[in-house]
């Protein structure tokens, strides 16, 4: 991808940097969308789908370009760059980005630790090893060191699958009840756990994290 010499939203005329009207509309929309709840990737995808040019004949938007725009203080104006965005809007976008990063990091650290400790191989039952290949885009692998089984799936996708299963359990609690097909006595710990789960599901407002821990 090519780089711009001046920020998106501006152009050079007669030796001076002035506002590019068509691009400034896009800049304002980016800030509005981000403050309105859209994330960096969804904004970039939208611009690409609408074939909005970042450079002449190039529509290669990505979340890094969106990030640079919402963090660029030149948009509020200075001695060189005319004002496109009000200072309070820029500050709001920067604050939102900081808070979203903290929330996401906290959630990932907590949920990832739980999920990684509960992911077992469907072939041999050994704990799966999670690996992220930073050299490739969005490549996460779960592998079993015992039987060499390997599956590519992101933590985000795993969380979505868990949510789907939890919703199924909420609507049909019999799915998690163990059938005693061999006339063997079910351990008392399992019976207690089943009863606890059933009581939680009967509550109108139950703690989803505690329920998830018990089911896992």
N, C-alpha and C. Protein backbone atom coordinates (compact mmCIF):
# COMPACT_ATOMS: atom_id res chain seq x y z
N UNK A 1 0.82 -1.20 0.00
CA UNK A 1 0.00 0.00 0.00
C UNK A 1 0.86 1.26 0.00
N UNK A 2 0.41 2.25 -0.74
CA UNK A 2 1.14 3.51 -0.79
C UNK A 2 0.86 4.32 0.46
N UNK A 3 1.72 5.29 0.71
CA UNK A 3 1.54 6.20 1.84
C UNK A 3 1.19 7.59 1.34
N UNK A 4 0.43 8.30 2.14
CA UNK A 4 0.08 9.67 1.80
C UNK A 4 1.13 10.63 2.36
N UNK A 5 1.34 11.72 1.67
CA UNK A 5 2.29 12.73 2.16
C UNK A 5 1.63 13.64 3.17
N UNK A 6 0.33 13.84 3.04
CA UNK A 6 -0.42 14.64 3.99
C UNK A 6 -1.61 13.81 4.47
N UNK A 7 -2.17 14.13 5.65
CA UNK A 7 -3.27 13.31 6.18
C UNK A 7 -4.48 13.26 5.25
N UNK A 8 -5.20 12.16 5.32
CA UNK A 8 -6.43 12.02 4.56
C UNK A 8 -7.40 13.13 5.00
N UNK A 9 -8.02 13.77 4.02
CA UNK A 9 -8.93 14.87 4.32
C UNK A 9 -8.38 16.22 3.89
N UNK A 10 -7.09 16.22 3.52
CA UNK A 10 -6.44 17.45 3.09
C UNK A 10 -5.85 17.26 1.69
N UNK A 11 -5.57 18.37 1.04
CA UNK A 11 -4.89 18.35 -0.25
C UNK A 11 -4.03 19.61 -0.37
N UNK A 12 -3.12 19.59 -1.30
CA UNK A 12 -2.22 20.72 -1.52
C UNK A 12 -2.71 21.56 -2.69
N UNK A 13 -2.86 22.87 -2.46
CA UNK A 13 -3.25 23.80 -3.52
C UNK A 13 -2.43 25.07 -3.40
N UNK A 14 -1.78 25.43 -4.50
CA UNK A 14 -0.98 26.67 -4.54
C UNK A 14 0.02 26.74 -3.39
N UNK A 15 0.61 25.59 -3.06
CA UNK A 15 1.64 25.56 -2.03
C UNK A 15 1.13 25.53 -0.61
N UNK A 16 -0.19 25.48 -0.44
CA UNK A 16 -0.76 25.45 0.91
C UNK A 16 -1.62 24.21 1.10
N UNK A 17 -1.73 23.76 2.35
CA UNK A 17 -2.57 22.61 2.66
C UNK A 17 -3.99 23.11 2.95
N UNK A 18 -4.95 22.61 2.20
CA UNK A 18 -6.34 23.01 2.36
C UNK A 18 -7.20 21.76 2.55
N UNK A 19 -8.45 21.98 2.94
CA UNK A 19 -9.37 20.86 3.15
C UNK A 19 -9.83 20.31 1.81
N UNK A 20 -9.77 19.00 1.68
CA UNK A 20 -10.34 18.30 0.53
C UNK A 20 -11.79 17.99 0.89
N UNK A 21 -12.72 18.63 0.25
CA UNK A 21 -14.12 18.55 0.65
C UNK A 21 -14.65 17.13 0.66
N UNK A 22 -14.38 16.37 -0.40
CA UNK A 22 -14.91 15.00 -0.47
C UNK A 22 -14.32 14.11 0.61
N UNK A 23 -13.02 14.26 0.87
CA UNK A 23 -12.37 13.43 1.89
C UNK A 23 -12.75 13.87 3.30
N UNK A 24 -12.96 15.15 3.50
CA UNK A 24 -13.32 15.65 4.84
C UNK A 24 -14.68 15.09 5.27
N UNK A 25 -15.57 14.86 4.30
CA UNK A 25 -16.87 14.25 4.62
C UNK A 25 -16.66 12.84 5.16
N UNK A 26 -15.72 12.11 4.56
CA UNK A 26 -15.41 10.75 5.00
C UNK A 26 -14.78 10.77 6.39
N UNK A 27 -13.88 11.73 6.64
CA UNK A 27 -13.24 11.84 7.95
C UNK A 27 -14.29 12.06 9.04
N UNK A 28 -15.22 12.96 8.78
CA UNK A 28 -16.28 13.25 9.77
C UNK A 28 -17.14 12.03 10.00
N UNK A 29 -17.41 11.28 8.94
CA UNK A 29 -18.22 10.08 9.08
C UNK A 29 -17.49 9.00 9.87
N UNK A 30 -16.17 8.91 9.68
CA UNK A 30 -15.37 7.93 10.44
C UNK A 30 -15.47 8.21 11.94
N UNK A 31 -15.31 9.47 12.31
CA UNK A 31 -15.41 9.84 13.73
C UNK A 31 -16.82 9.56 14.26
N UNK A 32 -17.83 9.91 13.47
CA UNK A 32 -19.22 9.71 13.90
C UNK A 32 -19.51 8.22 14.09
N UNK A 33 -19.05 7.39 13.17
CA UNK A 33 -19.30 5.96 13.25
C UNK A 33 -18.58 5.35 14.45
N UNK A 34 -17.33 5.79 14.66
CA UNK A 34 -16.56 5.22 15.77
C UNK A 34 -17.18 5.59 17.11
N UNK A 35 -17.53 6.86 17.27
CA UNK A 35 -18.16 7.30 18.51
C UNK A 35 -19.53 6.65 18.67
N UNK A 36 -20.16 6.34 17.54
CA UNK A 36 -21.47 5.70 17.58
C UNK A 36 -21.45 4.22 17.90
N UNK A 37 -20.25 3.62 18.00
CA UNK A 37 -20.15 2.23 18.42
C UNK A 37 -19.49 1.29 17.43
N UNK A 38 -19.21 1.76 16.21
CA UNK A 38 -18.55 0.90 15.23
C UNK A 38 -17.08 0.69 15.62
N UNK A 39 -16.53 -0.48 15.29
CA UNK A 39 -15.11 -0.70 15.55
C UNK A 39 -14.27 -0.37 14.33
N UNK A 40 -12.96 -0.38 14.50
CA UNK A 40 -12.05 0.03 13.42
C UNK A 40 -12.22 -0.82 12.16
N UNK A 41 -12.32 -2.13 12.35
CA UNK A 41 -12.41 -3.03 11.19
C UNK A 41 -13.71 -2.84 10.43
N UNK A 42 -14.83 -2.70 11.16
CA UNK A 42 -16.11 -2.56 10.48
C UNK A 42 -16.18 -1.27 9.69
N UNK A 43 -15.55 -0.20 10.21
CA UNK A 43 -15.51 1.07 9.48
C UNK A 43 -14.68 0.91 8.21
N UNK A 44 -13.51 0.27 8.34
CA UNK A 44 -12.65 0.04 7.17
C UNK A 44 -13.35 -0.81 6.13
N UNK A 45 -14.03 -1.87 6.57
CA UNK A 45 -14.75 -2.75 5.64
C UNK A 45 -15.84 -1.99 4.91
N UNK A 46 -16.54 -1.12 5.64
CA UNK A 46 -17.61 -0.34 5.02
C UNK A 46 -17.07 0.58 3.93
N UNK A 47 -15.94 1.23 4.20
CA UNK A 47 -15.33 2.14 3.22
C UNK A 47 -14.87 1.36 1.98
N UNK A 48 -14.33 0.17 2.20
CA UNK A 48 -13.89 -0.63 1.07
C UNK A 48 -15.08 -1.11 0.23
N UNK A 49 -16.15 -1.52 0.92
CA UNK A 49 -17.35 -1.99 0.21
C UNK A 49 -17.99 -0.87 -0.60
N UNK A 50 -17.87 0.35 -0.10
CA UNK A 50 -18.42 1.51 -0.82
C UNK A 50 -17.43 2.05 -1.84
N UNK A 51 -16.25 1.41 -1.91
CA UNK A 51 -15.20 1.79 -2.86
C UNK A 51 -14.78 3.26 -2.70
N UNK A 52 -14.65 3.67 -1.43
CA UNK A 52 -14.15 5.01 -1.13
C UNK A 52 -12.63 5.01 -1.29
N UNK A 53 -12.10 5.91 -2.07
CA UNK A 53 -10.66 5.94 -2.34
C UNK A 53 -9.88 6.54 -1.17
N UNK A 54 -8.83 5.83 -0.77
CA UNK A 54 -7.89 6.38 0.21
C UNK A 54 -6.82 7.17 -0.52
N UNK A 55 -6.40 6.63 -1.64
CA UNK A 55 -5.51 7.29 -2.59
C UNK A 55 -6.15 7.14 -3.97
N UNK A 56 -5.76 7.94 -4.94
CA UNK A 56 -6.33 7.80 -6.27
C UNK A 56 -6.26 6.36 -6.79
N UNK A 57 -7.43 5.82 -7.11
CA UNK A 57 -7.56 4.46 -7.65
C UNK A 57 -7.21 3.38 -6.63
N UNK A 58 -7.17 3.72 -5.35
CA UNK A 58 -6.88 2.73 -4.31
C UNK A 58 -7.91 2.82 -3.19
N UNK A 59 -8.55 1.69 -2.90
CA UNK A 59 -9.57 1.65 -1.84
C UNK A 59 -9.14 0.71 -0.72
N UNK A 60 -7.83 0.60 -0.52
CA UNK A 60 -7.30 -0.35 0.46
C UNK A 60 -7.36 0.16 1.89
N UNK A 61 -8.57 0.27 2.43
CA UNK A 61 -8.72 0.68 3.83
C UNK A 61 -8.45 -0.50 4.76
N UNK A 62 -7.90 -0.20 5.94
CA UNK A 62 -7.74 -1.22 6.97
C UNK A 62 -7.87 -0.54 8.33
N UNK A 63 -7.91 -1.33 9.39
CA UNK A 63 -8.16 -0.75 10.71
C UNK A 63 -7.01 0.15 11.18
N UNK A 64 -5.79 -0.09 10.69
CA UNK A 64 -4.67 0.77 11.08
C UNK A 64 -4.83 2.18 10.52
N UNK A 65 -5.33 2.27 9.30
CA UNK A 65 -5.57 3.60 8.71
C UNK A 65 -6.68 4.33 9.45
N UNK A 66 -7.72 3.60 9.83
CA UNK A 66 -8.81 4.21 10.61
C UNK A 66 -8.28 4.67 11.97
N UNK A 67 -7.44 3.84 12.58
CA UNK A 67 -6.86 4.17 13.88
C UNK A 67 -6.04 5.45 13.80
N UNK A 68 -5.23 5.58 12.75
CA UNK A 68 -4.40 6.79 12.61
C UNK A 68 -5.27 8.03 12.45
N UNK A 69 -6.39 7.88 11.77
CA UNK A 69 -7.27 9.04 11.56
C UNK A 69 -7.89 9.49 12.87
N UNK A 70 -8.43 8.57 13.66
CA UNK A 70 -9.12 8.98 14.88
C UNK A 70 -8.15 9.43 15.97
N UNK A 71 -6.84 9.19 15.78
CA UNK A 71 -5.85 9.64 16.76
C UNK A 71 -5.09 10.88 16.30
N UNK A 72 -5.36 11.34 15.07
CA UNK A 72 -4.58 12.44 14.48
C UNK A 72 -5.12 13.80 14.94
N UNK A 73 -4.33 14.48 15.78
CA UNK A 73 -4.76 15.75 16.34
C UNK A 73 -4.70 16.90 15.34
N UNK A 74 -4.12 16.64 14.17
CA UNK A 74 -4.08 17.69 13.16
C UNK A 74 -5.48 18.04 12.64
N UNK A 75 -6.43 17.11 12.83
CA UNK A 75 -7.78 17.36 12.34
C UNK A 75 -8.50 18.46 13.11
N UNK A 76 -8.03 18.80 14.31
CA UNK A 76 -8.67 19.88 15.05
C UNK A 76 -8.08 21.24 14.66
N UNK A 77 -7.08 21.23 13.78
CA UNK A 77 -6.51 22.46 13.23
C UNK A 77 -5.29 22.96 13.97
N UNK A 78 -4.34 23.53 13.21
CA UNK A 78 -3.17 24.19 13.77
C UNK A 78 -2.68 25.22 12.77
N UNK A 79 -1.44 25.62 12.88
CA UNK A 79 -0.92 26.66 11.99
C UNK A 79 -0.79 26.19 10.54
N UNK A 80 -0.79 24.89 10.34
CA UNK A 80 -0.60 24.34 8.99
C UNK A 80 -1.90 23.71 8.45
N UNK A 81 -2.59 22.99 9.31
CA UNK A 81 -3.77 22.25 8.87
C UNK A 81 -5.06 22.93 9.31
N UNK A 82 -5.99 23.15 8.38
CA UNK A 82 -7.29 23.73 8.73
C UNK A 82 -8.11 22.75 9.58
N UNK A 83 -9.07 23.28 10.31
CA UNK A 83 -9.91 22.47 11.19
C UNK A 83 -10.93 21.65 10.39
N UNK A 84 -11.00 20.35 10.69
CA UNK A 84 -12.03 19.48 10.12
C UNK A 84 -12.94 18.93 11.23
N UNK A 85 -12.32 18.57 12.36
CA UNK A 85 -13.05 17.96 13.48
C UNK A 85 -12.94 18.85 14.72
N UNK A 86 -14.02 18.95 15.47
CA UNK A 86 -13.98 19.70 16.72
C UNK A 86 -13.14 18.94 17.75
N UNK A 87 -12.47 19.69 18.60
CA UNK A 87 -11.55 19.08 19.56
C UNK A 87 -12.24 18.08 20.47
N UNK A 88 -13.48 18.40 20.93
CA UNK A 88 -14.18 17.49 21.83
C UNK A 88 -14.52 16.16 21.16
N UNK A 89 -14.74 16.19 19.83
CA UNK A 89 -15.03 14.96 19.10
C UNK A 89 -13.79 14.09 19.02
N UNK A 90 -12.64 14.70 18.72
CA UNK A 90 -11.39 13.96 18.66
C UNK A 90 -11.06 13.35 20.01
N UNK A 91 -11.20 14.15 21.07
CA UNK A 91 -10.90 13.65 22.42
C UNK A 91 -11.83 12.51 22.81
N UNK A 92 -13.09 12.62 22.40
CA UNK A 92 -14.05 11.56 22.71
C UNK A 92 -13.66 10.26 22.01
N UNK A 93 -13.24 10.35 20.76
CA UNK A 93 -12.83 9.17 20.00
C UNK A 93 -11.60 8.52 20.64
N UNK A 94 -10.64 9.34 21.04
CA UNK A 94 -9.41 8.83 21.66
C UNK A 94 -9.73 8.16 23.00
N UNK A 95 -10.61 8.77 23.78
CA UNK A 95 -11.01 8.19 25.07
C UNK A 95 -11.71 6.85 24.87
N UNK A 96 -12.59 6.80 23.88
CA UNK A 96 -13.31 5.55 23.59
C UNK A 96 -12.34 4.44 23.19
N UNK A 97 -11.37 4.80 22.36
CA UNK A 97 -10.41 3.79 21.91
C UNK A 97 -9.63 3.24 23.09
N UNK A 98 -9.22 4.12 23.99
CA UNK A 98 -8.46 3.69 25.16
C UNK A 98 -9.30 2.77 26.06
N UNK A 99 -10.56 3.15 26.28
CA UNK A 99 -11.43 2.35 27.15
C UNK A 99 -11.76 1.01 26.52
N UNK A 100 -11.95 0.99 25.18
CA UNK A 100 -12.26 -0.26 24.50
C UNK A 100 -11.07 -1.22 24.55
N UNK A 101 -9.86 -0.68 24.43
CA UNK A 101 -8.66 -1.51 24.49
C UNK A 101 -8.53 -2.15 25.87
N UNK A 102 -8.77 -1.36 26.93
CA UNK A 102 -8.66 -1.87 28.29
C UNK A 102 -9.71 -2.94 28.55
N UNK A 103 -10.94 -2.68 28.09
CA UNK A 103 -12.03 -3.64 28.29
C UNK A 103 -11.76 -4.93 27.54
N UNK A 104 -11.28 -4.81 26.29
CA UNK A 104 -11.00 -5.98 25.48
C UNK A 104 -9.85 -6.79 26.07
N UNK A 105 -8.79 -6.10 26.51
CA UNK A 105 -7.65 -6.81 27.08
C UNK A 105 -8.04 -7.55 28.34
N UNK A 106 -8.86 -6.89 29.18
CA UNK A 106 -9.29 -7.51 30.43
C UNK A 106 -10.13 -8.74 30.15
N UNK A 107 -11.06 -8.62 29.20
CA UNK A 107 -11.93 -9.74 28.84
C UNK A 107 -11.13 -10.89 28.25
N UNK A 108 -10.20 -10.56 27.35
CA UNK A 108 -9.41 -11.60 26.71
C UNK A 108 -8.55 -12.34 27.73
N UNK A 109 -7.92 -11.60 28.64
CA UNK A 109 -7.05 -12.24 29.62
C UNK A 109 -7.82 -13.19 30.53
N UNK A 110 -9.01 -12.75 30.95
CA UNK A 110 -9.81 -13.56 31.87
C UNK A 110 -10.44 -14.75 31.18
N UNK A 111 -11.13 -14.48 30.06
CA UNK A 111 -11.83 -15.55 29.36
C UNK A 111 -10.87 -16.53 28.71
N UNK A 112 -9.77 -16.01 28.17
CA UNK A 112 -8.80 -16.87 27.50
C UNK A 112 -8.21 -17.88 28.47
N UNK A 113 -7.90 -17.43 29.66
CA UNK A 113 -7.32 -18.33 30.66
C UNK A 113 -8.28 -19.45 30.99
N UNK A 114 -9.57 -19.12 31.13
CA UNK A 114 -10.57 -20.13 31.45
C UNK A 114 -10.74 -21.11 30.29
N UNK A 115 -10.89 -20.57 29.09
CA UNK A 115 -11.12 -21.42 27.92
C UNK A 115 -9.93 -22.34 27.67
N UNK A 116 -8.71 -21.80 27.76
CA UNK A 116 -7.53 -22.61 27.50
C UNK A 116 -7.38 -23.76 28.49
N UNK A 117 -7.88 -23.56 29.71
CA UNK A 117 -7.76 -24.61 30.72
C UNK A 117 -8.84 -25.68 30.60
N UNK A 118 -9.81 -25.45 29.70
CA UNK A 118 -10.93 -26.39 29.57
C UNK A 118 -11.04 -27.00 28.17
N UNK A 119 -10.07 -26.74 27.31
CA UNK A 119 -10.12 -27.26 25.94
C UNK A 119 -9.37 -28.58 25.86
N UNK A 120 -10.11 -29.68 25.63
CA UNK A 120 -9.50 -31.00 25.60
C UNK A 120 -9.69 -31.65 24.23
N UNK A 121 -8.78 -32.52 23.90
CA UNK A 121 -8.81 -33.23 22.62
C UNK A 121 -9.98 -34.20 22.58
N UNK A 122 -10.73 -34.16 21.47
CA UNK A 122 -11.86 -35.06 21.32
C UNK A 122 -11.45 -36.48 21.00
N UNK A 123 -10.17 -36.69 20.65
CA UNK A 123 -9.67 -38.01 20.31
C UNK A 123 -9.12 -38.77 21.52
N UNK A 124 -8.28 -38.07 22.30
CA UNK A 124 -7.63 -38.77 23.41
C UNK A 124 -7.92 -38.16 24.78
N UNK A 125 -8.52 -36.96 24.81
CA UNK A 125 -8.87 -36.35 26.09
C UNK A 125 -7.79 -35.50 26.72
N UNK A 126 -6.63 -35.37 26.06
CA UNK A 126 -5.55 -34.53 26.60
C UNK A 126 -5.88 -33.05 26.42
N UNK A 127 -5.29 -32.23 27.28
CA UNK A 127 -5.48 -30.79 27.18
C UNK A 127 -4.88 -30.26 25.88
N UNK A 128 -5.62 -29.41 25.19
CA UNK A 128 -5.13 -28.84 23.93
C UNK A 128 -4.20 -27.66 24.18
N UNK A 129 -3.24 -27.53 23.30
CA UNK A 129 -2.27 -26.42 23.39
C UNK A 129 -2.66 -25.35 22.38
N UNK A 130 -2.80 -24.11 22.86
CA UNK A 130 -3.21 -23.00 21.99
C UNK A 130 -1.98 -22.20 21.54
N UNK A 131 -1.90 -21.93 20.24
CA UNK A 131 -0.77 -21.18 19.70
C UNK A 131 -1.26 -20.15 18.69
N UNK A 132 -0.72 -18.94 18.77
CA UNK A 132 -1.03 -17.88 17.81
C UNK A 132 0.20 -17.60 16.97
N UNK A 133 0.04 -17.65 15.66
CA UNK A 133 1.14 -17.37 14.74
C UNK A 133 1.07 -15.91 14.33
N UNK A 134 1.89 -15.07 14.96
CA UNK A 134 1.86 -13.63 14.69
C UNK A 134 2.36 -13.28 13.29
N UNK A 135 3.03 -14.23 12.65
CA UNK A 135 3.56 -13.96 11.32
C UNK A 135 2.46 -14.06 10.26
N UNK A 136 1.34 -14.66 10.64
CA UNK A 136 0.22 -14.79 9.72
C UNK A 136 -0.99 -14.06 10.28
N UNK A 137 -1.90 -13.69 9.40
CA UNK A 137 -3.08 -12.93 9.82
C UNK A 137 -4.13 -13.84 10.45
N UNK A 138 -4.49 -13.53 11.71
CA UNK A 138 -5.56 -14.23 12.41
C UNK A 138 -5.43 -15.75 12.37
N UNK A 139 -4.22 -16.26 12.62
CA UNK A 139 -4.01 -17.71 12.62
C UNK A 139 -3.81 -18.21 14.04
N UNK A 140 -4.80 -18.93 14.55
CA UNK A 140 -4.72 -19.54 15.88
C UNK A 140 -4.94 -21.04 15.72
N UNK A 141 -4.13 -21.82 16.42
CA UNK A 141 -4.21 -23.28 16.30
C UNK A 141 -4.33 -23.93 17.67
N UNK A 142 -5.21 -24.93 17.76
CA UNK A 142 -5.35 -25.77 18.95
C UNK A 142 -4.81 -27.14 18.57
N UNK A 143 -3.81 -27.61 19.28
CA UNK A 143 -3.19 -28.89 18.91
C UNK A 143 -3.02 -29.79 20.13
N UNK A 144 -3.04 -31.09 19.86
CA UNK A 144 -2.84 -32.09 20.90
C UNK A 144 -1.45 -32.70 20.74
N UNK A 145 -0.64 -32.59 21.76
CA UNK A 145 0.72 -33.11 21.69
C UNK A 145 0.74 -34.64 21.76
N UNK A 146 -0.36 -35.21 22.22
CA UNK A 146 -0.41 -36.67 22.37
C UNK A 146 -0.74 -37.38 21.06
N UNK A 147 -1.87 -36.98 20.43
CA UNK A 147 -2.29 -37.68 19.20
C UNK A 147 -2.06 -36.83 17.95
N UNK A 148 -1.43 -35.67 18.13
CA UNK A 148 -1.04 -34.80 17.01
C UNK A 148 -2.24 -34.20 16.26
N UNK A 149 -3.43 -34.23 16.87
CA UNK A 149 -4.60 -33.62 16.26
C UNK A 149 -4.45 -32.10 16.29
N UNK A 150 -4.89 -31.41 15.24
CA UNK A 150 -4.74 -29.96 15.16
C UNK A 150 -5.98 -29.34 14.52
N UNK A 151 -6.44 -28.22 15.12
CA UNK A 151 -7.62 -27.50 14.61
C UNK A 151 -7.32 -26.01 14.62
N UNK A 152 -7.66 -25.34 13.51
CA UNK A 152 -7.50 -23.88 13.45
C UNK A 152 -8.82 -23.22 13.82
N UNK A 153 -8.81 -22.46 14.92
CA UNK A 153 -10.00 -21.75 15.37
C UNK A 153 -9.58 -20.64 16.33
N UNK A 154 -10.13 -19.46 16.14
CA UNK A 154 -9.78 -18.33 17.00
C UNK A 154 -10.48 -18.44 18.34
N UNK A 155 -9.94 -17.78 19.34
CA UNK A 155 -10.57 -17.73 20.65
C UNK A 155 -11.97 -17.10 20.55
N UNK A 156 -12.08 -16.12 19.67
CA UNK A 156 -13.38 -15.47 19.48
C UNK A 156 -14.42 -16.47 18.97
N UNK A 157 -14.02 -17.32 18.03
CA UNK A 157 -14.94 -18.33 17.50
C UNK A 157 -15.29 -19.37 18.57
N UNK A 158 -14.31 -19.71 19.40
CA UNK A 158 -14.57 -20.66 20.48
C UNK A 158 -15.60 -20.08 21.44
N UNK A 159 -15.45 -18.80 21.78
CA UNK A 159 -16.39 -18.14 22.68
C UNK A 159 -17.80 -18.12 22.09
N UNK A 160 -17.88 -17.90 20.77
CA UNK A 160 -19.19 -17.89 20.12
C UNK A 160 -19.85 -19.27 20.20
N UNK A 161 -19.04 -20.33 20.00
CA UNK A 161 -19.57 -21.68 20.07
C UNK A 161 -20.05 -22.00 21.49
N UNK A 162 -19.30 -21.54 22.49
CA UNK A 162 -19.69 -21.75 23.89
C UNK A 162 -21.02 -21.05 24.17
N UNK A 163 -21.16 -19.83 23.65
CA UNK A 163 -22.40 -19.08 23.84
C UNK A 163 -23.59 -19.82 23.23
N UNK A 164 -23.37 -20.38 22.03
CA UNK A 164 -24.44 -21.15 21.37
C UNK A 164 -24.84 -22.34 22.24
N UNK A 165 -23.85 -23.06 22.78
CA UNK A 165 -24.13 -24.22 23.62
C UNK A 165 -24.84 -23.82 24.92
N UNK A 166 -24.41 -22.70 25.51
CA UNK A 166 -25.06 -22.22 26.74
C UNK A 166 -26.53 -21.89 26.49
N UNK A 167 -26.80 -21.27 25.36
CA UNK A 167 -28.19 -20.93 25.04
C UNK A 167 -29.03 -22.19 24.85
N UNK A 168 -28.43 -23.24 24.24
CA UNK A 168 -29.15 -24.50 24.08
C UNK A 168 -29.45 -25.12 25.45
N UNK A 169 -28.47 -25.05 26.35
CA UNK A 169 -28.64 -25.62 27.68
C UNK A 169 -29.73 -24.87 28.45
N UNK A 170 -29.74 -23.54 28.31
CA UNK A 170 -30.73 -22.73 29.02
C UNK A 170 -32.15 -23.13 28.60
N UNK A 171 -32.33 -23.46 27.31
CA UNK A 171 -33.65 -23.82 26.81
C UNK A 171 -33.96 -25.30 26.97
N UNK A 172 -32.94 -26.12 27.24
CA UNK A 172 -33.16 -27.55 27.42
C UNK A 172 -32.13 -28.10 28.40
N UNK A 173 -32.46 -28.07 29.68
CA UNK A 173 -31.50 -28.46 30.72
C UNK A 173 -31.18 -29.95 30.69
N UNK A 174 -32.01 -30.74 30.03
CA UNK A 174 -31.76 -32.19 29.97
C UNK A 174 -30.49 -32.52 29.18
N UNK A 175 -30.02 -31.55 28.38
CA UNK A 175 -28.82 -31.79 27.57
C UNK A 175 -27.58 -32.04 28.42
N UNK A 176 -27.56 -31.53 29.65
CA UNK A 176 -26.37 -31.68 30.49
C UNK A 176 -26.57 -32.72 31.59
N UNK A 177 -27.69 -33.41 31.58
CA UNK A 177 -27.92 -34.44 32.57
C UNK A 177 -27.32 -35.76 32.10
N UNK A 178 -26.56 -36.42 32.95
CA UNK A 178 -25.87 -37.65 32.59
C UNK A 178 -26.82 -38.84 32.68
N UNK A 179 -26.87 -39.66 31.62
CA UNK A 179 -27.67 -40.87 31.62
C UNK A 179 -26.84 -42.04 32.16
N UNK A 180 -27.38 -42.71 33.13
CA UNK A 180 -26.68 -43.84 33.73
C UNK A 180 -27.07 -45.11 32.98
N UNK A 181 -26.32 -45.40 31.90
CA UNK A 181 -26.67 -46.55 31.04
C UNK A 181 -26.08 -47.86 31.53
N UNK A 182 -25.15 -47.80 32.43
CA UNK A 182 -24.48 -49.03 32.89
C UNK A 182 -24.88 -49.42 34.31
N UNK A 183 -25.96 -48.83 34.80
CA UNK A 183 -26.43 -49.10 36.16
C UNK A 183 -25.35 -48.84 37.21
N UNK A 184 -24.41 -47.94 36.89
CA UNK A 184 -23.38 -47.58 37.84
C UNK A 184 -23.84 -46.37 38.65
N UNK A 185 -23.36 -46.28 39.85
CA UNK A 185 -23.75 -45.16 40.71
C UNK A 185 -23.06 -43.89 40.26
N UNK A 186 -23.86 -42.84 40.08
CA UNK A 186 -23.30 -41.55 39.66
C UNK A 186 -22.63 -40.89 40.86
N UNK A 187 -21.39 -40.43 40.71
CA UNK A 187 -20.69 -39.79 41.83
C UNK A 187 -21.51 -38.64 42.41
N UNK A 188 -21.47 -38.52 43.74
CA UNK A 188 -22.25 -37.50 44.43
C UNK A 188 -21.86 -36.08 43.99
N UNK A 189 -20.57 -35.89 43.62
CA UNK A 189 -20.13 -34.56 43.20
C UNK A 189 -20.86 -34.13 41.92
N UNK A 190 -21.07 -35.11 41.01
CA UNK A 190 -21.74 -34.80 39.76
C UNK A 190 -23.21 -34.48 40.02
N UNK A 191 -23.84 -35.23 40.91
CA UNK A 191 -25.24 -34.98 41.24
C UNK A 191 -25.40 -33.59 41.84
N UNK A 192 -24.49 -33.22 42.75
CA UNK A 192 -24.55 -31.89 43.37
C UNK A 192 -24.36 -30.80 42.32
N UNK A 193 -23.42 -31.02 41.41
CA UNK A 193 -23.16 -30.04 40.36
C UNK A 193 -24.37 -29.88 39.45
N UNK A 194 -25.02 -31.01 39.09
CA UNK A 194 -26.21 -30.94 38.26
C UNK A 194 -27.32 -30.15 38.95
N UNK A 195 -27.47 -30.41 40.24
CA UNK A 195 -28.52 -29.71 41.00
C UNK A 195 -28.23 -28.21 41.08
N UNK A 196 -26.96 -27.86 41.27
CA UNK A 196 -26.59 -26.45 41.33
C UNK A 196 -26.89 -25.75 40.00
N UNK A 197 -26.52 -26.42 38.90
CA UNK A 197 -26.76 -25.86 37.56
C UNK A 197 -28.25 -25.67 37.32
N UNK A 198 -29.03 -26.68 37.71
CA UNK A 198 -30.48 -26.60 37.50
C UNK A 198 -31.09 -25.46 38.31
N UNK A 199 -30.62 -25.28 39.55
CA UNK A 199 -31.14 -24.19 40.39
C UNK A 199 -30.78 -22.83 39.78
N UNK A 200 -29.56 -22.72 39.26
CA UNK A 200 -29.14 -21.46 38.64
C UNK A 200 -30.00 -21.14 37.43
N UNK A 201 -30.31 -22.16 36.63
CA UNK A 201 -31.10 -21.94 35.41
C UNK A 201 -32.54 -21.57 35.73
N UNK A 202 -33.00 -21.93 36.93
CA UNK A 202 -34.37 -21.58 37.32
C UNK A 202 -34.49 -20.13 37.76
N UNK A 203 -33.34 -19.50 38.04
CA UNK A 203 -33.35 -18.10 38.46
C UNK A 203 -33.55 -17.18 37.25
N UNK A 204 -34.24 -16.08 37.49
CA UNK A 204 -34.49 -15.12 36.41
C UNK A 204 -33.19 -14.43 36.00
N UNK A 205 -32.40 -14.03 36.99
CA UNK A 205 -31.16 -13.30 36.71
C UNK A 205 -29.99 -14.05 37.34
N UNK A 206 -29.40 -14.98 36.58
CA UNK A 206 -28.30 -15.77 37.11
C UNK A 206 -26.97 -15.25 36.61
N UNK A 207 -25.90 -15.61 37.31
CA UNK A 207 -24.54 -15.19 36.94
C UNK A 207 -24.06 -16.10 35.80
N UNK A 208 -23.96 -15.54 34.59
CA UNK A 208 -23.59 -16.33 33.41
C UNK A 208 -22.18 -16.88 33.51
N UNK A 209 -21.27 -16.11 34.12
CA UNK A 209 -19.88 -16.58 34.23
C UNK A 209 -19.78 -17.78 35.17
N UNK A 210 -20.51 -17.72 36.29
CA UNK A 210 -20.49 -18.85 37.23
C UNK A 210 -21.12 -20.09 36.60
N UNK A 211 -22.21 -19.86 35.85
CA UNK A 211 -22.86 -20.98 35.17
C UNK A 211 -21.93 -21.60 34.14
N UNK A 212 -21.22 -20.75 33.39
CA UNK A 212 -20.28 -21.25 32.38
C UNK A 212 -19.19 -22.08 33.04
N UNK A 213 -18.67 -21.61 34.17
CA UNK A 213 -17.62 -22.35 34.89
C UNK A 213 -18.10 -23.74 35.30
N UNK A 214 -19.33 -23.79 35.82
CA UNK A 214 -19.86 -25.08 36.29
C UNK A 214 -20.10 -26.06 35.14
N UNK A 215 -20.64 -25.53 34.02
CA UNK A 215 -20.91 -26.39 32.88
C UNK A 215 -19.61 -26.91 32.27
N UNK A 216 -18.61 -26.02 32.16
CA UNK A 216 -17.31 -26.45 31.63
C UNK A 216 -16.65 -27.48 32.53
